[in-house]
């Protein structure tokens, strides 16, 4: 009899958690930040407790799980509107390799050893660190790798010899060969507008102003920043604009 009850509770919790995860969205499945991971673990633990303890009412599990789901949905909604809040919950990406040079300070800060780095580089089909333009540890724990272009690998885009390997990684100078203007970027690409909100800190790193951004957006038939859902700039100075 007790086995039958456990099996029924297991199926009920399976269906319930399946619907809960669908409600929470694909972000919870495809991208697990620290916050998402905590929510997932707590839901799993609560479900196991109520399945094993047949004397407990299932509402004692459904209530807390629904509270966690509402918390996750609420946080996801507010972080969509506020980048600072989003960075607080999801964390900031960390630059491990820039222009073929390993950032040892950042690796030490993230408690990331060379074996971890080499493992992820191999998973990204990288055999030579010198061929890496940028390697970034995302907030999900995945290493994103951008390779140098063909000219850079052949020496035309020279590696800055003698550069201190313990560079903080917060800024980097790159020459825009089309305009001769130096572009400073933290990651690729750099977000300039998120959901109509201008990212003034990124503009400052680029050495640009809102006036410059507005004049550039006119080329995309944009008169107001609020018309833009997302705008970014790559290391060549090219804008990507997605209007609302």
Protein backbone atom coordinates (compact mmCIF):
# COMPACT_ATOMS: atom_id res chain seq x y z
CA UNK A 1 0.00 0.00 0.00
CA UNK A 2 2.79 2.41 0.92
CA UNK A 3 4.60 1.66 -2.35
CA UNK A 4 1.44 2.50 -4.31
CA UNK A 5 1.13 5.82 -2.51
CA UNK A 6 4.79 6.66 -3.24
CA UNK A 7 4.37 5.81 -6.92
CA UNK A 8 1.24 7.95 -7.20
CA UNK A 9 2.94 10.85 -5.42
CA UNK A 10 5.93 10.48 -7.74
CA UNK A 11 3.76 10.74 -10.86
CA UNK A 12 1.81 13.68 -9.46
CA UNK A 13 5.00 15.55 -8.54
CA UNK A 14 6.46 14.74 -11.97
CA UNK A 15 3.49 16.28 -13.76
CA UNK A 16 3.43 19.23 -11.36
CA UNK A 17 7.16 20.03 -11.70
CA UNK A 18 6.98 19.54 -15.48
CA UNK A 19 4.24 22.18 -15.66
CA UNK A 20 6.17 24.42 -13.26
CA UNK A 21 9.31 24.30 -15.41
CA UNK A 22 7.26 25.09 -18.50
CA UNK A 23 5.80 28.05 -16.64
CA UNK A 24 9.26 29.26 -15.61
CA UNK A 25 10.33 29.31 -19.26
CA UNK A 26 13.17 27.96 -21.39
CA UNK A 27 15.68 30.18 -19.63
CA UNK A 28 15.55 27.89 -16.61
CA UNK A 29 16.44 24.91 -18.79
CA UNK A 30 18.95 26.42 -21.20
CA UNK A 31 20.76 28.78 -18.86
CA UNK A 32 21.40 28.03 -15.21
CA UNK A 33 22.76 31.00 -13.34
CA UNK A 34 23.53 30.70 -9.62
CA UNK A 35 20.05 32.00 -8.80
CA UNK A 36 18.37 29.54 -11.18
CA UNK A 37 20.47 26.68 -9.82
CA UNK A 38 19.42 27.42 -6.23
CA UNK A 39 15.74 27.52 -7.26
CA UNK A 40 16.05 24.22 -9.14
CA UNK A 41 17.79 22.45 -6.27
CA UNK A 42 15.23 23.66 -3.72
CA UNK A 43 12.31 22.54 -5.89
CA UNK A 44 13.88 19.11 -6.33
CA UNK A 45 14.55 18.74 -2.59
CA UNK A 46 11.02 19.76 -1.61
CA UNK A 47 9.55 17.32 -4.15
CA UNK A 48 11.68 14.43 -2.82
CA UNK A 49 10.67 15.15 0.77
CA UNK A 50 6.95 15.02 0.08
CA UNK A 51 7.31 11.87 -2.05
CA UNK A 52 9.19 9.98 0.66
CA UNK A 53 7.09 11.22 3.59
CA UNK A 54 3.73 9.71 2.72
CA UNK A 55 2.20 10.98 5.97
CA UNK A 56 2.65 14.58 4.86
CA UNK A 57 0.05 16.44 2.83
CA UNK A 58 1.22 17.22 -0.72
CA UNK A 59 0.03 20.79 -0.28
CA UNK A 60 2.99 21.25 2.09
CA UNK A 61 5.22 20.83 -0.98
CA UNK A 62 3.06 22.53 -3.60
CA UNK A 63 2.84 25.75 -1.57
CA UNK A 64 6.62 26.30 -1.15
CA UNK A 65 7.29 25.29 -4.76
CA UNK A 66 4.74 27.80 -6.05
CA UNK A 67 6.39 30.46 -3.87
CA UNK A 68 9.78 29.65 -5.39
CA UNK A 69 8.32 29.78 -8.90
CA UNK A 70 6.70 33.17 -8.26
CA UNK A 71 10.02 34.40 -6.86
CA UNK A 72 11.89 33.22 -9.95
CA UNK A 73 9.37 34.76 -12.34
CA UNK A 74 9.37 38.02 -10.38
CA UNK A 75 13.16 38.25 -10.32
CA UNK A 76 13.33 37.40 -14.04
CA UNK A 77 10.83 40.17 -14.82
CA UNK A 78 12.61 42.86 -12.82
CA UNK A 79 16.08 41.86 -14.05
CA UNK A 80 14.83 42.24 -17.63
CA UNK A 81 14.20 45.91 -16.89
CA UNK A 82 17.26 46.62 -14.74
CA UNK A 83 20.76 45.63 -15.86
CA UNK A 84 22.37 46.33 -12.48
CA UNK A 85 19.89 43.99 -10.84
CA UNK A 86 20.53 41.44 -13.57
CA UNK A 87 24.28 41.53 -12.91
CA UNK A 88 23.61 41.16 -9.19
CA UNK A 89 21.68 37.92 -9.68
CA UNK A 90 23.41 36.46 -12.74
CA UNK A 91 26.93 37.78 -12.18
CA UNK A 92 29.36 39.31 -14.68
CA UNK A 93 31.30 37.39 -17.32
CA UNK A 94 35.04 37.04 -16.72
CA UNK A 95 37.69 37.50 -19.40
CA UNK A 96 40.27 34.70 -19.20
CA UNK A 97 42.15 35.17 -22.48
CA UNK A 98 42.57 38.38 -24.46
CA UNK A 99 44.63 38.58 -27.63
CA UNK A 100 46.33 35.28 -26.86
CA UNK A 101 47.33 36.28 -23.31
CA UNK A 102 46.00 34.49 -20.23
CA UNK A 103 44.52 36.66 -17.49
CA UNK A 104 45.88 34.86 -14.43
CA UNK A 105 44.40 37.31 -11.91
CA UNK A 106 40.87 36.76 -13.16
CA UNK A 107 41.36 32.99 -13.22
CA UNK A 108 42.59 33.06 -9.63
CA UNK A 109 39.66 35.24 -8.62
CA UNK A 110 37.21 32.73 -10.10
CA UNK A 111 39.20 29.77 -8.66
CA UNK A 112 39.71 28.47 -12.17
CA UNK A 113 42.81 26.37 -12.83
CA UNK A 114 44.69 25.71 -16.06
CA UNK A 115 43.28 22.19 -16.37
CA UNK A 116 39.74 23.64 -16.35
CA UNK A 117 40.75 26.21 -18.96
CA UNK A 118 42.42 23.69 -21.27
CA UNK A 119 39.43 21.34 -20.98
CA UNK A 120 37.01 24.01 -22.10
CA UNK A 121 39.34 25.20 -24.86
CA UNK A 122 39.51 21.66 -26.23
CA UNK A 123 35.72 21.49 -26.14
CA UNK A 124 35.75 24.65 -28.28
CA UNK A 125 38.16 22.99 -30.77
CA UNK A 126 41.06 25.25 -29.74
CA UNK A 127 44.56 23.79 -29.94
CA UNK A 128 46.64 26.97 -29.64
CA UNK A 129 45.92 29.67 -27.04
CA UNK A 130 47.78 32.15 -29.24
CA UNK A 131 44.95 31.85 -31.79
CA UNK A 132 42.35 33.03 -29.26
CA UNK A 133 41.19 36.62 -29.56
CA UNK A 134 38.88 36.44 -26.56
CA UNK A 135 37.83 33.73 -24.11
CA UNK A 136 35.08 34.65 -21.66
CA UNK A 137 33.70 32.61 -18.79
CA UNK A 138 29.97 33.30 -18.87
CA UNK A 139 27.79 33.52 -15.78
CA UNK A 140 26.50 30.02 -16.62
CA UNK A 141 30.01 28.54 -16.32
CA UNK A 142 30.41 28.06 -20.08
CA UNK A 143 33.55 29.35 -21.78
CA UNK A 144 32.82 31.39 -24.91
CA UNK A 145 35.76 31.57 -27.32
CA UNK A 146 36.32 34.03 -30.18
CA UNK A 147 39.19 33.16 -32.49
CA UNK A 148 41.49 35.63 -34.20
CA UNK A 149 40.92 36.32 -37.86
CA UNK A 150 43.25 34.90 -40.49
CA UNK A 151 45.39 38.03 -40.77
CA UNK A 152 45.94 38.18 -37.02
CA UNK A 153 47.10 34.57 -36.94
CA UNK A 154 49.63 35.29 -39.68
CA UNK A 155 51.09 38.17 -37.73
CA UNK A 156 49.42 41.18 -39.34
CA UNK A 157 47.34 41.61 -36.23
CA UNK A 158 50.26 41.46 -33.85
CA UNK A 159 50.10 40.13 -30.32
CA UNK A 160 51.24 42.78 -27.88
CA UNK A 161 54.46 41.26 -26.63
CA UNK A 162 55.48 42.17 -23.13
CA UNK A 163 51.93 42.88 -22.05
CA UNK A 164 51.36 42.05 -18.38
CA UNK A 165 49.48 38.76 -18.13
CA UNK A 166 47.70 39.96 -15.00
CA UNK A 167 45.72 42.63 -16.84
CA UNK A 168 42.36 43.17 -15.20
CA UNK A 169 40.49 42.65 -18.45
CA UNK A 170 38.15 45.58 -17.89
CA UNK A 171 39.29 47.49 -20.96
CA UNK A 172 41.10 46.77 -24.19
CA UNK A 173 42.12 48.94 -27.13
CA UNK A 174 41.43 47.83 -30.67
CA UNK A 175 42.04 49.80 -33.87
CA UNK A 176 39.13 50.24 -36.24
CA UNK A 177 40.88 49.89 -39.60
CA UNK A 178 37.99 51.54 -41.41
CA UNK A 179 38.07 54.82 -39.51
CA UNK A 180 41.40 54.77 -37.70
CA UNK A 181 39.56 55.26 -34.41
CA UNK A 182 40.53 53.25 -31.36
CA UNK A 183 37.65 51.36 -29.86
CA UNK A 184 37.81 50.26 -26.27
CA UNK A 185 35.69 47.30 -25.39
CA UNK A 186 35.18 44.95 -22.48
CA UNK A 187 33.46 42.07 -24.24
CA UNK A 188 32.24 41.36 -27.75
CA UNK A 189 29.89 42.87 -28.59
CA UNK A 190 29.42 45.85 -26.26
CA UNK A 191 25.79 46.69 -25.48
CA UNK A 192 24.95 50.36 -25.99
CA UNK A 193 21.16 50.21 -25.57
CA UNK A 194 19.14 47.61 -23.68
CA UNK A 195 15.35 47.84 -23.95
CA UNK A 196 15.48 51.56 -24.69
CA UNK A 197 17.94 52.32 -21.88
CA UNK A 198 21.31 53.78 -22.92
CA UNK A 199 24.27 52.06 -21.25
CA UNK A 200 26.25 55.18 -20.38
CA UNK A 201 29.04 53.22 -18.67
CA UNK A 202 29.77 51.34 -21.90
CA UNK A 203 29.66 54.56 -23.91
CA UNK A 204 32.19 56.03 -21.51
CA UNK A 205 34.51 53.05 -21.99
CA UNK A 206 34.28 53.57 -25.73
CA UNK A 207 35.07 57.26 -25.34
CA UNK A 208 31.72 58.11 -26.96
CA UNK A 209 28.73 60.24 -25.99
CA UNK A 210 24.96 60.05 -26.32
CA UNK A 211 25.19 62.69 -29.04
CA UNK A 212 27.46 60.41 -31.08
CA UNK A 213 25.15 57.45 -30.52
CA UNK A 214 22.09 59.42 -31.55
CA UNK A 215 23.76 60.63 -34.75
CA UNK A 216 24.75 57.05 -35.59
CA UNK A 217 21.22 55.79 -34.96
CA UNK A 218 19.82 58.27 -37.48
CA UNK A 219 21.42 56.07 -40.14
CA UNK A 220 19.00 53.38 -38.98
CA UNK A 221 15.99 55.75 -39.06
CA UNK A 222 15.92 56.00 -35.27
CA UNK A 223 15.11 59.36 -33.68
CA UNK A 224 14.74 58.36 -30.03
CA UNK A 225 16.58 55.84 -27.88
CA UNK A 226 13.25 54.42 -26.70
CA UNK A 227 12.67 53.13 -30.23
CA UNK A 228 15.60 50.70 -29.85
CA UNK A 229 15.22 47.34 -28.16
CA UNK A 230 18.90 46.39 -28.47
CA UNK A 231 21.96 48.12 -29.88
CA UNK A 232 25.55 46.91 -29.72
CA UNK A 233 28.93 47.64 -31.28
CA UNK A 234 31.62 45.16 -32.27
CA UNK A 235 35.41 45.56 -32.27
CA UNK A 236 35.30 46.93 -35.83
CA UNK A 237 32.98 49.76 -34.79
CA UNK A 238 29.94 48.32 -36.57
CA UNK A 239 26.57 48.87 -34.93
CA UNK A 240 23.83 46.30 -34.61
CA UNK A 241 20.39 47.84 -34.11
CA UNK A 242 17.16 46.00 -33.30
CA UNK A 243 14.20 48.37 -33.19
CA UNK A 244 11.05 47.79 -31.15
